[in-house]
Amino acid sequence: MVHADAVQGQRSLMRMAAGKLEDANPNVSPRLCAQVRRTRKQLYEHIDGDYYGYRDEEDGILVKVEAAAEAVMRTEVGFIFA
């Protein structure tokens, strides 16, 4: 059976250790840790055509990859429905 004083002593040691952890890194200030909240309007301000993928075909890479994938798909579907 554990004595009540021993349990209380463990709790106080844990509290002391937690206090030391809070002060462990002096470079981190509470101001830096505070989360910056943005409004819905601020989030939607920077969404443009790139976000929705409207300009993905302009660089030409996606067109080549899709053409190869489409050719494979057409041959597989051709065997299924033939």
C-alpha atoms as a PDB file:
ATOM      1  CA  MET A   1       0.000   0.000   0.000  1.00  0.00           C
ATOM      2  CA  VAL A   2       1.365   3.430  -1.030  1.00  0.00           C
ATOM      3  CA  HIS A   3       1.495   6.062   1.661  1.00  0.00           C
ATOM      4  CA  ALA A   4      -0.368   9.332   0.938  1.00  0.00           C
ATOM      5  CA  ASP A   5       2.726  11.449   1.656  1.00  0.00           C
ATOM      6  CA  ALA A   6       4.688   9.528  -0.972  1.00  0.00           C
ATOM      7  CA  VAL A   7       2.013  10.195  -3.608  1.00  0.00           C
ATOM      8  CA  GLN A   8       1.902  13.878  -2.656  1.00  0.00           C
ATOM      9  CA  GLY A   9       5.682  14.044  -2.937  1.00  0.00           C
ATOM     10  CA  GLN A  10       5.588  12.543  -6.437  1.00  0.00           C
ATOM     11  CA  ARG A  11       2.957  15.053  -7.494  1.00  0.00           C
ATOM     12  CA  SER A  12       5.010  17.973  -6.243  1.00  0.00           C
ATOM     13  CA  LEU A  13       8.087  16.642  -8.055  1.00  0.00           C
ATOM     14  CA  MET A  14       6.064  16.387 -11.267  1.00  0.00           C
ATOM     15  CA  ARG A  15       4.836  19.971 -10.830  1.00  0.00           C
ATOM     16  CA  MET A  16       8.404  21.180 -10.305  1.00  0.00           C
ATOM     17  CA  ALA A  17       9.575  19.328 -13.421  1.00  0.00           C
ATOM     18  CA  ALA A  18       6.728  20.821 -15.463  1.00  0.00           C
ATOM     19  CA  GLY A  19       7.689  24.293 -14.260  1.00  0.00           C
ATOM     20  CA  LYS A  20      11.268  23.744 -15.357  1.00  0.00           C
ATOM     21  CA  LEU A  21      10.121  22.597 -18.790  1.00  0.00           C
ATOM     22  CA  GLU A  22       8.158  25.786 -19.315  1.00  0.00           C
ATOM     23  CA  ASP A  23      11.271  27.846 -18.634  1.00  0.00           C
ATOM     24  CA  ALA A  24      13.608  25.507 -20.518  1.00  0.00           C
ATOM     25  CA  ASN A  25      13.779  27.429 -23.796  1.00  0.00           C
ATOM     26  CA  PRO A  26      14.188  31.171 -23.257  1.00  0.00           C
ATOM     27  CA  ASN A  27      14.320  31.816 -27.031  1.00  0.00           C
ATOM     28  CA  VAL A  28      10.658  30.976 -27.509  1.00  0.00           C
ATOM     29  CA  SER A  29       8.461  33.801 -26.407  1.00  0.00           C
ATOM     30  CA  PRO A  30       4.733  33.422 -25.790  1.00  0.00           C
ATOM     31  CA  ARG A  31       4.155  36.020 -28.471  1.00  0.00           C
ATOM     32  CA  LEU A  32       5.704  33.749 -31.125  1.00  0.00           C
ATOM     33  CA  CYS A  33       3.696  30.780 -29.946  1.00  0.00           C
ATOM     34  CA  ALA A  34       0.374  32.583 -30.202  1.00  0.00           C
ATOM     35  CA  GLN A  35      -1.631  31.334 -33.151  1.00  0.00           C
ATOM     36  CA  VAL A  36      -2.543  33.942 -35.729  1.00  0.00           C
ATOM     37  CA  ARG A  37      -6.217  33.640 -36.561  1.00  0.00           C
ATOM     38  CA  ARG A  38      -7.314  34.575 -40.066  1.00  0.00           C
ATOM     39  CA  THR A  39     -10.790  35.417 -41.182  1.00  0.00           C
ATOM     40  CA  ARG A  40     -12.519  33.575 -43.995  1.00  0.00           C
ATOM     41  CA  LYS A  41     -12.108  36.648 -46.193  1.00  0.00           C
ATOM     42  CA  GLN A  42      -8.345  36.672 -45.609  1.00  0.00           C
ATOM     43  CA  LEU A  43      -8.115  32.988 -46.500  1.00  0.00           C
ATOM     44  CA  TYR A  44     -10.029  33.409 -49.750  1.00  0.00           C
ATOM     45  CA  GLU A  45      -8.110  36.524 -50.864  1.00  0.00           C
ATOM     46  CA  HIS A  46      -5.226  34.543 -52.371  1.00  0.00           C
ATOM     47  CA  ILE A  47      -7.214  31.788 -54.087  1.00  0.00           C
ATOM     48  CA  ASP A  48      -6.965  32.133 -57.855  1.00  0.00           C
ATOM     49  CA  GLY A  49      -6.935  29.976 -60.977  1.00  0.00           C
ATOM     50  CA  ASP A  50      -3.788  28.142 -59.911  1.00  0.00           C
ATOM     51  CA  TYR A  51      -5.548  26.840 -56.814  1.00  0.00           C
ATOM     52  CA  TYR A  52      -8.281  25.239 -58.907  1.00  0.00           C
ATOM     53  CA  GLY A  53      -5.810  23.925 -61.496  1.00  0.00           C
ATOM     54  CA  TYR A  54      -6.953  26.059 -64.419  1.00  0.00           C
ATOM     55  CA  ARG A  55      -3.403  26.814 -65.551  1.00  0.00           C
ATOM     56  CA  ASP A  56      -1.894  23.346 -65.090  1.00  0.00           C
ATOM     57  CA  GLU A  57      -1.710  22.688 -68.833  1.00  0.00           C
ATOM     58  CA  GLU A  58       0.317  25.786 -69.646  1.00  0.00           C
ATOM     59  CA  ASP A  59       3.709  24.205 -68.902  1.00  0.00           C
ATOM     60  CA  GLY A  60       3.120  21.194 -71.203  1.00  0.00           C
ATOM     61  CA  ILE A  61       4.213  18.547 -68.698  1.00  0.00           C
ATOM     62  CA  LEU A  62       0.702  17.627 -67.625  1.00  0.00           C
ATOM     63  CA  VAL A  63      -0.441  17.276 -71.235  1.00  0.00           C
ATOM     64  CA  LYS A  64       2.268  14.685 -71.964  1.00  0.00           C
ATOM     65  CA  VAL A  65       1.546  12.687 -68.807  1.00  0.00           C
ATOM     66  CA  GLU A  66      -2.200  12.710 -69.422  1.00  0.00           C
ATOM     67  CA  ALA A  67      -1.715  11.648 -73.055  1.00  0.00           C
ATOM     68  CA  ALA A  68       0.320   8.623 -71.990  1.00  0.00           C
ATOM     69  CA  ALA A  69      -2.187   7.689 -69.274  1.00  0.00           C
ATOM     70  CA  GLU A  70      -5.079   8.146 -71.702  1.00  0.00           C
ATOM     71  CA  ALA A  71      -3.427   5.837 -74.248  1.00  0.00           C
ATOM     72  CA  VAL A  72      -3.022   3.113 -71.608  1.00  0.00           C
ATOM     73  CA  MET A  73      -6.596   3.585 -70.455  1.00  0.00           C
ATOM     74  CA  ARG A  74      -7.970   3.400 -74.007  1.00  0.00           C
ATOM     75  CA  THR A  75      -6.145   0.123 -74.688  1.00  0.00           C
ATOM     76  CA  GLU A  76      -7.422  -1.428 -71.442  1.00  0.00           C
ATOM     77  CA  VAL A  77     -10.975  -0.260 -72.055  1.00  0.00           C
ATOM     78  CA  GLY A  78     -10.741  -1.438 -75.667  1.00  0.00           C
ATOM     79  CA  PHE A  79     -10.030  -4.983 -74.478  1.00  0.00           C
ATOM     80  CA  ILE A  80     -12.922  -4.883 -72.010  1.00  0.00           C
ATOM     81  CA  PHE A  81     -15.564  -3.661 -74.458  1.00  0.00           C
ATOM     82  CA  ALA A  82     -14.270  -5.411 -77.593  1.00  0.00           C
END
